[in-house]
Amino acid sequence: MEQSPRVNALDHLVLTVTNVPDTCRFYQDVLGMQAEAFIVADGTRRWALKFGRQKINLHEVGSEFDPKSAHPTAGSADLCFLTSTPLEDWVKHFSVHHIAILQGPTARTGATGPIYSIYILDPDENLIEISIQKT
């Protein structure tokens, strides 16, 4: 019997934002990602946030690249990132950056099992979850 096609990994996702430089600054300074410009086949310059083996491509509201989602909107994302840094260190780090913690640490369930999470908002008010695997 033939097996149906299926995906096996996430290469990137697109985040629609109101201001690419502000977003790059936040994700670099606060979350430790690497903002990187890249040139696509048509010669245009775009921005991505790289971390581990993944990346988040950035589209600015009103200047989205085709093809795009039917309703690209800033502030509609809910993203969970895994860390090996203790959440107590993240709490201190967020305090230094004057970033309010909305909730946590609290027990949750991630893709591979139990996690502990804290929640913050990025500059567009996307919900950002920082999680550590529960041991």
N, C-alpha and C. Protein backbone atom coordinates (compact mmCIF):
# COMPACT_ATOMS: atom_id res chain seq x y z
N MET A 1 0.84 -1.17 0.00
CA MET A 1 0.00 0.00 0.00
C MET A 1 0.89 1.25 0.00
N GLU A 2 0.54 2.21 -0.82
CA GLU A 2 1.31 3.44 -0.92
C GLU A 2 0.99 4.36 0.25
N GLN A 3 2.05 4.94 0.81
CA GLN A 3 1.89 5.84 1.95
C GLN A 3 1.62 7.26 1.46
N SER A 4 0.74 7.98 2.15
CA SER A 4 0.45 9.37 1.79
C SER A 4 1.66 10.24 2.07
N PRO A 5 1.86 11.30 1.28
CA PRO A 5 2.96 12.21 1.54
C PRO A 5 2.78 12.89 2.89
N ARG A 6 3.91 13.24 3.53
CA ARG A 6 3.83 13.99 4.78
C ARG A 6 5.09 14.83 4.96
N VAL A 7 4.95 15.88 5.74
CA VAL A 7 6.09 16.74 6.02
C VAL A 7 6.86 16.17 7.20
N ASN A 8 8.15 16.54 7.32
CA ASN A 8 8.93 16.01 8.44
C ASN A 8 9.72 17.05 9.21
N ALA A 9 9.66 18.32 8.81
CA ALA A 9 10.37 19.35 9.57
C ALA A 9 9.85 20.73 9.15
N LEU A 10 10.10 21.70 10.02
CA LEU A 10 9.79 23.09 9.71
C LEU A 10 11.09 23.78 9.31
N ASP A 11 11.14 24.34 8.12
CA ASP A 11 12.33 25.05 7.66
C ASP A 11 12.31 26.49 8.15
N HIS A 12 11.21 27.18 7.93
CA HIS A 12 11.07 28.57 8.38
C HIS A 12 9.59 28.90 8.50
N LEU A 13 9.32 30.00 9.16
CA LEU A 13 7.98 30.56 9.18
C LEU A 13 8.12 32.04 8.91
N VAL A 14 7.01 32.69 8.59
CA VAL A 14 7.02 34.12 8.29
C VAL A 14 6.26 34.85 9.38
N LEU A 15 6.87 35.93 9.87
CA LEU A 15 6.25 36.77 10.87
C LEU A 15 6.02 38.14 10.24
N THR A 16 4.77 38.59 10.23
CA THR A 16 4.44 39.92 9.72
C THR A 16 4.59 40.91 10.86
N VAL A 17 5.37 41.97 10.63
CA VAL A 17 5.70 42.92 11.69
C VAL A 17 5.46 44.35 11.22
N THR A 18 5.34 45.27 12.17
CA THR A 18 5.13 46.67 11.81
C THR A 18 6.44 47.38 11.50
N ASN A 19 7.56 46.90 12.07
CA ASN A 19 8.84 47.56 11.87
C ASN A 19 9.96 46.53 11.93
N VAL A 20 10.57 46.24 10.79
CA VAL A 20 11.61 45.20 10.72
C VAL A 20 12.81 45.54 11.62
N PRO A 21 13.37 46.76 11.59
CA PRO A 21 14.52 47.04 12.47
C PRO A 21 14.20 46.86 13.96
N ASP A 22 13.02 47.32 14.41
CA ASP A 22 12.64 47.14 15.82
C ASP A 22 12.52 45.66 16.17
N THR A 23 11.93 44.90 15.26
CA THR A 23 11.78 43.46 15.48
C THR A 23 13.14 42.79 15.55
N CYS A 24 14.03 43.12 14.63
CA CYS A 24 15.38 42.53 14.63
C CYS A 24 16.10 42.84 15.95
N ARG A 25 16.01 44.09 16.38
CA ARG A 25 16.66 44.50 17.63
C ARG A 25 16.13 43.69 18.82
N PHE A 26 14.82 43.56 18.92
CA PHE A 26 14.20 42.81 20.02
C PHE A 26 14.65 41.35 20.02
N TYR A 27 14.51 40.69 18.88
CA TYR A 27 14.83 39.26 18.83
C TYR A 27 16.33 39.00 19.01
N GLN A 28 17.18 39.94 18.59
CA GLN A 28 18.62 39.80 18.84
C GLN A 28 18.96 40.07 20.30
N ASP A 29 18.56 41.25 20.79
CA ASP A 29 18.96 41.68 22.13
C ASP A 29 18.28 40.89 23.24
N VAL A 30 17.03 40.55 23.04
CA VAL A 30 16.25 39.91 24.10
C VAL A 30 16.27 38.39 24.01
N LEU A 31 16.21 37.85 22.80
CA LEU A 31 16.12 36.39 22.66
C LEU A 31 17.39 35.75 22.11
N GLY A 32 18.38 36.55 21.75
CA GLY A 32 19.66 36.00 21.30
C GLY A 32 19.67 35.44 19.90
N MET A 33 18.69 35.80 19.09
CA MET A 33 18.68 35.34 17.70
C MET A 33 19.63 36.21 16.87
N GLN A 34 19.92 35.77 15.66
CA GLN A 34 20.80 36.51 14.76
C GLN A 34 19.97 37.07 13.62
N ALA A 35 19.90 38.39 13.52
CA ALA A 35 19.21 39.02 12.38
C ALA A 35 20.15 38.97 11.19
N GLU A 36 19.61 38.55 10.07
CA GLU A 36 20.45 38.38 8.88
C GLU A 36 19.71 38.82 7.63
N ALA A 37 20.36 39.70 6.86
CA ALA A 37 19.82 40.09 5.56
C ALA A 37 20.17 39.00 4.55
N PHE A 38 19.27 38.77 3.61
CA PHE A 38 19.57 37.82 2.54
C PHE A 38 18.94 38.31 1.26
N ILE A 39 19.53 37.92 0.15
CA ILE A 39 19.06 38.32 -1.18
C ILE A 39 18.38 37.12 -1.81
N VAL A 40 17.17 37.34 -2.31
CA VAL A 40 16.42 36.26 -2.95
C VAL A 40 16.65 36.29 -4.46
N ALA A 41 16.12 35.30 -5.14
CA ALA A 41 16.37 35.12 -6.58
C ALA A 41 16.06 36.36 -7.42
N ASP A 42 15.04 37.13 -7.03
CA ASP A 42 14.70 38.32 -7.83
C ASP A 42 15.57 39.54 -7.49
N GLY A 43 16.53 39.37 -6.58
CA GLY A 43 17.46 40.44 -6.24
C GLY A 43 17.04 41.32 -5.07
N THR A 44 15.85 41.09 -4.52
CA THR A 44 15.41 41.91 -3.39
C THR A 44 16.07 41.44 -2.10
N ARG A 45 16.22 42.39 -1.19
CA ARG A 45 16.83 42.12 0.11
C ARG A 45 15.72 41.90 1.14
N ARG A 46 15.87 40.84 1.91
CA ARG A 46 14.90 40.52 2.95
C ARG A 46 15.65 40.26 4.26
N TRP A 47 14.89 40.15 5.35
CA TRP A 47 15.47 39.92 6.67
C TRP A 47 14.91 38.66 7.29
N ALA A 48 15.75 37.98 8.02
CA ALA A 48 15.35 36.77 8.75
C ALA A 48 16.01 36.79 10.12
N LEU A 49 15.40 36.08 11.03
CA LEU A 49 15.94 35.86 12.37
C LEU A 49 16.35 34.40 12.44
N LYS A 50 17.64 34.14 12.65
CA LYS A 50 18.14 32.77 12.67
C LYS A 50 18.44 32.33 14.09
N PHE A 51 18.14 31.08 14.37
CA PHE A 51 18.44 30.46 15.66
C PHE A 51 18.47 28.96 15.45
N GLY A 52 19.48 28.30 16.00
CA GLY A 52 19.60 26.86 15.76
C GLY A 52 19.62 26.59 14.27
N ARG A 53 18.79 25.65 13.85
CA ARG A 53 18.70 25.30 12.43
C ARG A 53 17.42 25.87 11.80
N GLN A 54 16.80 26.83 12.48
CA GLN A 54 15.56 27.41 11.99
C GLN A 54 15.74 28.89 11.71
N LYS A 55 14.72 29.44 11.05
CA LYS A 55 14.71 30.88 10.85
C LYS A 55 13.28 31.37 10.74
N ILE A 56 13.14 32.65 11.05
CA ILE A 56 11.86 33.36 10.91
C ILE A 56 12.09 34.44 9.87
N ASN A 57 11.40 34.36 8.74
CA ASN A 57 11.48 35.41 7.74
C ASN A 57 10.55 36.55 8.16
N LEU A 58 10.97 37.77 7.93
CA LEU A 58 10.18 38.93 8.33
C LEU A 58 9.57 39.62 7.12
N HIS A 59 8.27 39.91 7.22
CA HIS A 59 7.57 40.72 6.23
C HIS A 59 7.02 41.93 6.97
N GLU A 60 7.22 43.11 6.39
CA GLU A 60 6.68 44.32 7.02
C GLU A 60 5.27 44.57 6.50
N VAL A 61 4.38 44.96 7.41
CA VAL A 61 2.99 45.23 7.06
C VAL A 61 2.95 46.22 5.88
N GLY A 62 2.19 45.86 4.86
CA GLY A 62 2.05 46.71 3.68
C GLY A 62 3.11 46.48 2.62
N SER A 63 4.16 45.74 2.99
CA SER A 63 5.23 45.44 2.03
C SER A 63 5.53 43.95 2.02
N GLU A 64 4.50 43.13 2.20
CA GLU A 64 4.69 41.70 2.24
C GLU A 64 5.14 41.19 0.86
N PHE A 65 5.83 40.07 0.88
CA PHE A 65 6.31 39.46 -0.35
C PHE A 65 5.32 38.39 -0.80
N ASP A 66 5.16 38.27 -2.12
CA ASP A 66 4.27 37.23 -2.67
C ASP A 66 5.04 35.95 -2.90
N PRO A 67 4.40 34.81 -2.73
CA PRO A 67 3.05 34.68 -2.19
C PRO A 67 3.04 34.93 -0.68
N LYS A 68 1.89 35.28 -0.17
CA LYS A 68 1.73 35.55 1.26
C LYS A 68 0.42 34.98 1.74
N SER A 69 0.24 34.98 3.05
CA SER A 69 -1.00 34.48 3.62
C SER A 69 -2.17 35.37 3.19
N ALA A 70 -3.37 34.87 3.33
CA ALA A 70 -4.55 35.62 2.90
C ALA A 70 -4.74 36.89 3.72
N HIS A 71 -4.34 36.87 4.99
CA HIS A 71 -4.57 38.02 5.88
C HIS A 71 -3.34 38.28 6.76
N PRO A 72 -2.22 38.71 6.17
CA PRO A 72 -1.03 38.95 6.99
C PRO A 72 -1.30 40.07 8.00
N THR A 73 -1.02 39.78 9.26
CA THR A 73 -1.35 40.70 10.34
C THR A 73 -0.24 40.70 11.38
N ALA A 74 0.21 41.87 11.76
CA ALA A 74 1.19 41.97 12.85
C ALA A 74 0.48 41.70 14.18
N GLY A 75 1.16 41.00 15.06
CA GLY A 75 0.63 40.76 16.40
C GLY A 75 -0.30 39.58 16.52
N SER A 76 -0.36 38.72 15.52
CA SER A 76 -1.29 37.58 15.58
C SER A 76 -0.59 36.25 15.87
N ALA A 77 0.73 36.27 16.06
CA ALA A 77 1.47 35.01 16.24
C ALA A 77 1.54 34.61 17.71
N ASP A 78 1.70 33.32 17.91
CA ASP A 78 1.89 32.71 19.23
C ASP A 78 3.00 31.70 19.03
N LEU A 79 4.22 32.04 19.49
CA LEU A 79 5.41 31.23 19.21
C LEU A 79 6.01 30.69 20.49
N CYS A 80 6.43 29.44 20.46
CA CYS A 80 7.09 28.81 21.60
C CYS A 80 8.51 28.43 21.21
N PHE A 81 9.48 28.92 21.99
CA PHE A 81 10.89 28.63 21.76
C PHE A 81 11.45 27.82 22.92
N LEU A 82 12.22 26.80 22.60
CA LEU A 82 12.87 25.99 23.64
C LEU A 82 14.22 26.57 24.00
N THR A 83 14.60 26.43 25.26
CA THR A 83 15.87 26.92 25.76
C THR A 83 16.48 25.87 26.68
N SER A 84 17.79 25.96 26.87
CA SER A 84 18.44 25.14 27.89
C SER A 84 18.86 26.02 29.07
N THR A 85 18.63 27.33 28.95
CA THR A 85 18.94 28.28 30.02
C THR A 85 17.84 28.21 31.07
N PRO A 86 18.19 28.13 32.36
CA PRO A 86 17.15 28.09 33.40
C PRO A 86 16.19 29.29 33.29
N LEU A 87 14.92 29.04 33.53
CA LEU A 87 13.93 30.10 33.40
C LEU A 87 14.18 31.25 34.37
N GLU A 88 14.80 30.95 35.53
CA GLU A 88 15.13 32.02 36.48
C GLU A 88 16.08 33.03 35.83
N ASP A 89 17.00 32.55 35.00
CA ASP A 89 17.92 33.44 34.29
C ASP A 89 17.17 34.30 33.27
N TRP A 90 16.17 33.71 32.62
CA TRP A 90 15.35 34.46 31.67
C TRP A 90 14.56 35.54 32.40
N VAL A 91 14.02 35.23 33.55
CA VAL A 91 13.26 36.21 34.33
C VAL A 91 14.14 37.42 34.64
N LYS A 92 15.36 37.18 35.09
CA LYS A 92 16.31 38.27 35.37
C LYS A 92 16.62 39.05 34.09
N HIS A 93 16.87 38.33 33.01
CA HIS A 93 17.19 38.95 31.73
C HIS A 93 16.05 39.86 31.26
N PHE A 94 14.82 39.37 31.35
CA PHE A 94 13.67 40.18 30.93
C PHE A 94 13.54 41.42 31.82
N SER A 95 13.81 41.28 33.09
CA SER A 95 13.75 42.41 34.01
C SER A 95 14.75 43.50 33.60
N VAL A 96 15.96 43.10 33.24
CA VAL A 96 16.98 44.05 32.79
C VAL A 96 16.51 44.82 31.56
N HIS A 97 15.76 44.14 30.69
CA HIS A 97 15.26 44.75 29.46
C HIS A 97 13.88 45.40 29.64
N HIS A 98 13.39 45.42 30.88
CA HIS A 98 12.08 46.03 31.20
C HIS A 98 10.94 45.38 30.42
N ILE A 99 11.00 44.06 30.34
CA ILE A 99 9.96 43.30 29.65
C ILE A 99 9.12 42.57 30.68
N ALA A 100 7.83 42.84 30.65
CA ALA A 100 6.90 42.23 31.60
C ALA A 100 6.67 40.76 31.28
N ILE A 101 6.65 39.95 32.31
CA ILE A 101 6.28 38.54 32.15
C ILE A 101 4.78 38.44 32.36
N LEU A 102 4.09 37.94 31.34
CA LEU A 102 2.64 37.83 31.40
C LEU A 102 2.19 36.68 32.29
N GLN A 103 2.98 35.59 32.24
CA GLN A 103 2.62 34.40 33.01
C GLN A 103 3.84 33.51 33.13
N GLY A 104 3.90 32.79 34.24
CA GLY A 104 4.92 31.78 34.40
C GLY A 104 5.94 32.13 35.45
N PRO A 105 6.82 31.18 35.69
CA PRO A 105 6.88 29.86 35.05
C PRO A 105 5.66 29.00 35.40
N THR A 106 5.22 28.28 34.40
CA THR A 106 4.06 27.42 34.54
C THR A 106 4.25 26.14 33.72
N ALA A 107 3.65 25.06 34.19
CA ALA A 107 3.77 23.77 33.50
C ALA A 107 2.89 23.76 32.26
N ARG A 108 3.43 23.27 31.17
CA ARG A 108 2.72 23.15 29.90
C ARG A 108 3.11 21.82 29.25
N THR A 109 2.53 21.56 28.10
CA THR A 109 2.89 20.38 27.32
C THR A 109 3.39 20.84 25.96
N GLY A 110 4.62 20.48 25.64
CA GLY A 110 5.20 20.83 24.35
C GLY A 110 5.06 19.71 23.34
N ALA A 111 5.71 19.87 22.21
CA ALA A 111 5.61 18.89 21.13
C ALA A 111 6.17 17.53 21.53
N THR A 112 7.17 17.52 22.42
CA THR A 112 7.79 16.24 22.79
C THR A 112 7.57 15.85 24.25
N GLY A 113 6.73 16.60 24.95
CA GLY A 113 6.44 16.25 26.34
C GLY A 113 6.31 17.46 27.24
N PRO A 114 6.43 17.23 28.56
CA PRO A 114 6.24 18.31 29.53
C PRO A 114 7.32 19.39 29.43
N ILE A 115 6.89 20.64 29.59
CA ILE A 115 7.79 21.79 29.60
C ILE A 115 7.33 22.75 30.69
N TYR A 116 8.23 23.67 31.08
CA TYR A 116 7.89 24.81 31.91
C TYR A 116 8.07 26.04 31.05
N SER A 117 7.14 27.00 31.15
CA SER A 117 7.14 28.14 30.24
C SER A 117 6.94 29.46 30.96
N ILE A 118 7.50 30.51 30.35
CA ILE A 118 7.18 31.88 30.72
C ILE A 118 6.75 32.59 29.44
N TYR A 119 5.88 33.58 29.59
CA TYR A 119 5.29 34.26 28.45
C TYR A 119 5.57 35.76 28.49
N ILE A 120 5.93 36.31 27.33
CA ILE A 120 6.14 37.74 27.16
C ILE A 120 5.51 38.16 25.83
N LEU A 121 5.53 39.46 25.55
CA LEU A 121 5.08 39.97 24.26
C LEU A 121 6.26 40.61 23.54
N ASP A 122 6.29 40.47 22.21
CA ASP A 122 7.31 41.14 21.42
C ASP A 122 6.80 42.55 21.06
N PRO A 123 7.55 43.34 20.29
CA PRO A 123 7.11 44.72 19.99
C PRO A 123 5.75 44.81 19.28
N ASP A 124 5.34 43.77 18.56
CA ASP A 124 4.03 43.78 17.89
C ASP A 124 2.95 43.10 18.72
N GLU A 125 3.30 42.72 19.94
CA GLU A 125 2.41 42.01 20.86
C GLU A 125 2.10 40.58 20.42
N ASN A 126 3.03 39.98 19.67
CA ASN A 126 2.95 38.54 19.44
C ASN A 126 3.25 37.88 20.78
N LEU A 127 2.59 36.78 21.07
CA LEU A 127 2.85 36.05 22.31
C LEU A 127 4.09 35.19 22.12
N ILE A 128 5.07 35.37 23.00
CA ILE A 128 6.31 34.62 22.94
C ILE A 128 6.41 33.77 24.18
N GLU A 129 6.55 32.47 24.00
CA GLU A 129 6.68 31.50 25.08
C GLU A 129 8.11 30.98 25.08
N ILE A 130 8.78 31.11 26.22
CA ILE A 130 10.14 30.58 26.39
C ILE A 130 10.01 29.37 27.30
N SER A 131 10.46 28.22 26.82
CA SER A 131 10.20 26.98 27.53
C SER A 131 11.47 26.13 27.71
N ILE A 132 11.47 25.42 28.80
CA ILE A 132 12.54 24.47 29.09
C ILE A 132 11.90 23.11 29.31
N GLN A 133 12.53 22.07 28.80
CA GLN A 133 12.00 20.72 28.96
C GLN A 133 12.00 20.34 30.42
N LYS A 134 10.91 19.76 30.87
CA LYS A 134 10.76 19.32 32.25
C LYS A 134 11.55 18.03 32.43
N THR A 135 12.34 17.98 33.49
CA THR A 135 13.14 16.77 33.74
C THR A 135 12.56 15.95 34.88
